[in-house]
Amino acid sequence: MRLRACLARALVLCCAAGAARSQDFAGAAHAAATDDAFALLERALPSAAPGLAAAVAHTRWWDSRELETRAAAVSGGWRTLRASFGVSQTGAPELGWTALALAAGGASADAGAALRACTRLDRDAPWSAARAAADGAGLELGAGAWLVPAAGVRVWASAPQIWTRGAAPPLARALEVGVRTGDDTGAWLLLRAPRAGDDGERALGVAIALAPLTAWAEVRDAPLRGGAGVRAAAGALGVEARVDVHPVLGETVRAALSWRRSAPGAAP
């Protein structure tokens, strides 16, 4: 039974390797969003504004009930310091895994940088701190940074898996670089470095904001596919939904709910 479960998981993840942008802490925001509550944990990109935030997200990968991710994160910022902690579970107990992540860094209105760490354990055994620290547990370390070189322009780079140990990560994630022009309404270009078996990925997206709603769409290659999403904000609360369509694997649907309270005097 254990062997069959491992083979099933390997098959699913091999199919997934070329199609997903994120994995354990995948919110519903697009890649150029500046206020994604999961960005610090998933991509080591800290928020410019200090304050407190909490978020939950649910992802159904390729319309498969056996491959769903449920994630929760809390984050805080004081002056230029930023930190976040999160937990997620992916897949059924006999096939899936639990992930814990911690990220910390610093940011101002014009620049930010952070480090992230994530550990994973199979769900078919009770979680414990000893198992999470054991050599067999999956562990990865990464870093990211962003900069505002001119008004209305933001560039970023994220390398979520600079170093890995133990069990191979479910999805190999290469260096990502991007540039965005505009604010809530704007456009972005994203490039991802080649991984084993592909020649990288390119993405082009656009967002239109008409408060309290923001809608966006993005097209990607390798293979050619697209995604779209919408965000609604009401005070400190935000609700997001996203659909990604793959020509072979089908649809991935994501939803996220977030709460954010900015520090007194911070820019909105």
Protein backbone atom coordinates (compact mmCIF):
# COMPACT_ATOMS: atom_id res chain seq x y z
CA MET A 1 0.00 0.00 0.00
CA ARG A 2 2.84 2.36 0.85
CA LEU A 3 4.54 1.67 -2.49
CA ARG A 4 1.32 2.24 -4.42
CA ALA A 5 0.76 5.54 -2.62
CA CYS A 6 4.28 6.69 -3.40
CA LEU A 7 3.89 5.79 -7.06
CA ALA A 8 0.54 7.59 -7.28
CA ARG A 9 1.98 10.68 -5.68
CA ALA A 10 5.01 10.61 -7.98
CA LEU A 11 2.76 10.36 -11.05
CA VAL A 12 0.60 13.28 -9.98
CA LEU A 13 3.57 15.48 -9.16
CA CYS A 14 5.41 14.66 -12.37
CA CYS A 15 2.37 15.85 -14.28
CA ALA A 16 2.28 18.95 -12.11
CA ALA A 17 5.91 19.93 -12.45
CA GLY A 18 5.53 22.02 -15.57
CA ALA A 19 2.21 23.64 -14.82
CA ALA A 20 2.00 25.25 -11.40
CA ARG A 21 3.36 28.58 -10.25
CA SER A 22 3.16 27.97 -6.53
CA GLN A 23 2.67 25.03 -4.23
CA ASP A 24 2.25 25.00 -0.43
CA PHE A 25 1.28 28.64 0.15
CA ALA A 26 -0.45 29.56 -3.07
CA GLY A 27 -2.91 32.39 -2.60
CA ALA A 28 -5.24 33.65 -5.30
CA ALA A 29 -3.34 36.84 -6.16
CA HIS A 30 -1.40 37.32 -9.39
CA ALA A 31 2.39 37.29 -9.42
CA ALA A 32 2.76 41.10 -9.50
CA ALA A 33 0.44 41.81 -6.57
CA THR A 34 2.04 44.03 -3.92
CA ASP A 35 -0.30 43.09 -1.05
CA ASP A 36 -0.50 39.29 -1.33
CA ALA A 37 -0.63 37.94 2.23
CA PHE A 38 1.20 34.75 1.15
CA ALA A 39 3.99 36.37 -0.88
CA LEU A 40 6.47 36.52 2.01
CA LEU A 41 6.10 32.80 2.80
CA GLU A 42 5.85 31.54 -0.78
CA ARG A 43 8.28 33.82 -2.62
CA ALA A 44 10.23 35.70 0.10
CA LEU A 45 8.78 39.04 -1.05
CA PRO A 46 7.87 41.24 1.95
CA SER A 47 5.09 43.81 2.01
CA ALA A 48 6.04 47.48 1.84
CA ALA A 49 3.58 48.46 4.56
CA PRO A 50 4.03 47.42 8.20
CA GLY A 51 1.09 46.02 10.17
CA LEU A 52 -0.69 42.78 10.94
CA ALA A 53 -2.22 40.35 8.45
CA ALA A 54 -3.85 36.93 8.39
CA ALA A 55 -5.02 34.85 5.44
CA VAL A 56 -6.47 31.48 4.50
CA ALA A 57 -6.51 29.93 1.03
CA HIS A 58 -7.84 26.87 -0.74
CA THR A 59 -6.57 25.51 -4.06
CA ARG A 60 -7.97 22.64 -6.10
CA TRP A 61 -5.26 21.64 -8.54
CA TRP A 62 -6.53 20.58 -11.99
CA ASP A 63 -10.03 19.86 -10.72
CA SER A 64 -8.77 16.92 -8.62
CA ARG A 65 -10.33 16.31 -5.20
CA GLU A 66 -7.27 14.22 -4.30
CA LEU A 67 -4.93 17.18 -4.85
CA GLU A 68 -6.16 20.14 -2.83
CA THR A 69 -4.12 22.59 -0.77
CA ARG A 70 -5.40 24.34 2.34
CA ALA A 71 -3.13 27.05 3.75
CA ALA A 72 -3.16 29.61 6.56
CA ALA A 73 -0.67 32.35 7.35
CA VAL A 74 -0.15 35.16 9.84
CA SER A 75 2.32 37.99 9.38
CA GLY A 76 3.44 41.11 11.13
CA GLY A 77 5.55 44.17 10.45
CA TRP A 78 7.08 46.81 12.71
CA ARG A 79 8.96 49.71 11.19
CA THR A 80 11.15 48.02 8.56
CA LEU A 81 10.96 44.48 10.00
CA ARG A 82 8.70 41.82 8.43
CA ALA A 83 7.94 38.23 9.49
CA SER A 84 5.40 35.55 8.64
CA PHE A 85 4.49 32.00 9.66
CA GLY A 86 2.21 29.54 7.90
CA VAL A 87 0.98 25.96 7.74
CA SER A 88 -0.56 24.08 4.83
CA GLN A 89 -1.74 20.60 3.88
CA THR A 90 -1.86 19.18 0.38
CA GLY A 91 -3.56 16.00 -0.82
CA ALA A 92 -5.31 13.15 0.93
CA PRO A 93 -3.70 11.78 4.13
CA GLU A 94 -2.26 8.70 2.41
CA LEU A 95 -0.79 10.71 -0.50
CA GLY A 96 -0.29 14.24 0.76
CA TRP A 97 2.04 16.25 2.94
CA THR A 98 2.04 18.97 5.60
CA ALA A 99 4.24 22.04 5.20
CA LEU A 100 5.41 24.60 7.73
CA ALA A 101 7.05 27.82 6.60
CA LEU A 102 8.73 30.78 8.23
CA ALA A 103 9.97 33.93 6.52
CA ALA A 104 11.59 37.12 7.76
CA GLY A 105 13.12 40.22 6.25
CA GLY A 106 12.83 43.96 5.94
CA ALA A 107 11.13 46.51 3.70
CA SER A 108 10.56 50.21 3.19
CA ALA A 109 8.42 52.08 0.70
CA ASP A 110 11.05 51.64 -2.01
CA ALA A 111 12.72 48.25 -1.44
CA GLY A 112 12.44 44.97 0.42
CA ALA A 113 14.23 41.65 0.87
CA ALA A 114 13.61 38.48 2.88
CA LEU A 115 14.59 34.86 3.52
CA ARG A 116 12.19 31.91 3.68
CA ALA A 117 12.38 28.37 5.06
CA CYS A 118 9.90 25.55 4.47
CA THR A 119 9.79 21.98 5.77
CA ARG A 120 7.47 19.17 4.59
CA LEU A 121 6.37 15.85 6.06
CA ASP A 122 4.13 13.12 4.69
CA ARG A 123 0.61 13.21 6.14
CA ASP A 124 0.46 9.45 6.74
CA ALA A 125 2.31 9.78 10.09
CA PRO A 126 1.74 12.12 13.07
CA TRP A 127 3.57 15.42 12.85
CA SER A 128 6.27 16.18 15.39
CA ALA A 129 9.13 18.65 15.77
CA ALA A 130 11.59 15.75 15.80
CA ARG A 131 10.31 14.46 12.45
CA ALA A 132 10.41 17.96 10.96
CA ALA A 133 14.08 18.29 11.93
CA ALA A 134 15.09 14.78 10.80
CA ASP A 135 17.25 14.25 7.73
CA GLY A 136 14.40 12.59 5.85
CA ALA A 137 12.13 15.63 6.07
CA GLY A 138 12.02 17.93 3.09
CA LEU A 139 13.63 21.29 3.78
CA GLU A 140 14.21 24.25 1.49
CA LEU A 141 15.65 27.73 1.93
CA GLY A 142 15.11 30.67 -0.40
CA ALA A 143 15.34 34.43 -0.77
CA GLY A 144 13.69 37.28 -2.61
CA ALA A 145 13.92 41.04 -3.09
CA TRP A 146 12.07 43.88 -4.78
CA LEU A 147 12.87 47.49 -5.68
CA VAL A 148 11.04 50.60 -6.89
CA PRO A 149 13.61 52.24 -9.21
CA ALA A 150 11.17 54.91 -10.43
CA ALA A 151 7.66 56.10 -9.62
CA GLY A 152 5.12 53.53 -10.82
CA VAL A 153 7.73 50.85 -11.59
CA ARG A 154 8.47 47.79 -9.44
CA VAL A 155 11.01 45.07 -10.17
CA TRP A 156 11.48 41.87 -8.20
CA ALA A 157 13.46 38.63 -8.06
CA SER A 158 12.53 35.47 -6.15
CA ALA A 159 14.57 32.27 -5.70
CA PRO A 160 12.43 30.10 -3.37
CA GLN A 161 14.70 27.04 -3.49
CA ILE A 162 18.30 28.20 -3.26
CA TRP A 163 19.10 25.20 -1.05
CA THR A 164 17.18 21.96 -0.45
CA ARG A 165 17.70 18.91 1.77
CA GLY A 166 15.95 15.60 2.31
CA ALA A 167 12.90 14.59 0.31
CA ALA A 168 12.70 16.25 -3.08
CA PRO A 169 10.28 19.21 -3.18
CA PRO A 170 6.94 18.52 -4.91
CA LEU A 171 7.72 21.22 -7.47
CA ALA A 172 11.15 22.44 -8.57
CA ARG A 173 11.01 26.25 -8.60
CA ALA A 174 13.66 28.26 -10.44
CA LEU A 175 14.65 31.91 -10.24
CA GLU A 176 11.81 34.30 -11.08
CA VAL A 177 12.28 37.93 -12.16
CA GLY A 178 9.58 40.42 -13.04
CA VAL A 179 8.72 44.06 -13.65
CA ARG A 180 5.42 45.85 -13.13
CA THR A 181 4.28 49.30 -14.25
CA GLY A 182 1.34 51.12 -12.69
CA ASP A 183 -0.32 50.74 -9.31
CA ASP A 184 -3.56 48.81 -8.77
CA THR A 185 -4.18 49.28 -12.48
CA GLY A 186 -1.11 48.20 -14.41
CA ALA A 187 0.73 45.57 -16.42
CA TRP A 188 3.60 43.18 -15.74
CA LEU A 189 6.13 40.91 -17.43
CA LEU A 190 7.49 37.81 -15.70
CA LEU A 191 10.38 35.50 -16.61
CA ARG A 192 11.27 32.18 -14.95
CA ALA A 193 14.60 30.48 -15.48
CA PRO A 194 14.77 27.04 -17.15
CA ARG A 195 14.37 23.94 -14.99
CA ALA A 196 15.21 20.34 -15.79
CA GLY A 197 13.19 19.38 -18.82
CA ASP A 198 12.00 22.84 -19.95
CA ASP A 199 13.27 26.16 -21.30
CA GLY A 200 11.73 28.42 -18.68
CA GLU A 201 8.51 30.36 -18.72
CA ARG A 202 7.30 33.81 -19.72
CA ALA A 203 4.13 35.57 -18.59
CA LEU A 204 2.37 38.81 -19.48
CA GLY A 205 -0.48 40.22 -17.40
CA VAL A 206 -2.72 43.24 -16.93
CA ALA A 207 -4.91 44.40 -14.02
CA ILE A 208 -7.75 46.93 -13.91
CA ALA A 209 -8.92 48.40 -10.59
CA LEU A 210 -12.32 50.01 -10.07
CA ALA A 211 -12.71 50.20 -6.30
CA PRO A 212 -13.67 48.06 -4.50
CA LEU A 213 -12.93 45.51 -7.28
CA THR A 214 -9.74 44.58 -9.10
CA ALA A 215 -9.80 42.23 -12.10
CA TRP A 216 -6.79 40.80 -13.88
CA ALA A 217 -5.77 38.39 -16.61
CA GLU A 218 -2.49 36.73 -17.50
CA VAL A 219 -1.16 34.65 -20.40
CA ARG A 220 1.79 32.25 -20.08
CA ASP A 221 3.71 29.96 -22.38
CA ALA A 222 5.26 26.46 -22.16
CA PRO A 223 2.52 25.47 -22.95
CA LEU A 224 0.37 28.44 -23.95
CA ARG A 225 -2.27 28.93 -21.25
CA GLY A 226 -3.95 31.64 -19.22
CA GLY A 227 -5.39 32.67 -15.90
CA ALA A 228 -7.75 35.31 -14.56
CA GLY A 229 -8.89 36.52 -11.18
CA VAL A 230 -10.84 39.10 -9.22
CA ARG A 231 -10.39 40.72 -5.82
CA ALA A 232 -12.95 42.55 -3.71
CA ALA A 233 -11.98 44.68 -0.72
CA ALA A 234 -14.12 45.96 2.13
CA GLY A 235 -12.13 47.81 4.75
CA ALA A 236 -9.55 45.44 6.23
CA LEU A 237 -11.05 42.37 4.52
CA GLY A 238 -10.16 41.08 1.08
CA VAL A 239 -11.64 38.19 -0.93
CA GLU A 240 -9.93 36.79 -4.01
CA ALA A 241 -10.70 34.11 -6.59
CA ARG A 242 -8.51 32.83 -9.40
CA VAL A 243 -8.84 30.30 -12.22
CA ASP A 244 -5.89 28.93 -14.22
CA VAL A 245 -6.58 26.88 -17.35
CA HIS A 246 -4.11 24.31 -18.68
CA PRO A 247 -4.69 22.71 -22.12
CA VAL A 248 -3.89 19.21 -20.83
CA LEU A 249 -4.38 19.17 -17.06
CA GLY A 250 -7.55 21.28 -16.91
CA GLU A 251 -8.54 23.98 -14.43
CA THR A 252 -6.96 25.01 -11.15
CA VAL A 253 -9.27 27.06 -8.93
CA ARG A 254 -8.05 29.12 -5.98
CA ALA A 255 -9.83 31.21 -3.36
CA ALA A 256 -8.40 33.29 -0.52
CA LEU A 257 -9.68 35.39 2.36
CA SER A 258 -7.40 37.92 4.02
CA TRP A 259 -7.45 40.50 6.79
CA ARG A 260 -4.93 43.30 7.05
CA ARG A 261 -4.47 46.08 9.57
CA SER A 262 -1.85 48.67 8.68
CA ALA A 263 0.36 50.18 11.34
CA PRO A 264 -0.58 53.72 12.43
CA GLY A 265 0.86 56.20 9.97
CA ALA A 266 1.64 53.58 7.31
CA ALA A 267 0.75 54.23 3.70
CA PRO A 268 -2.48 52.46 2.65
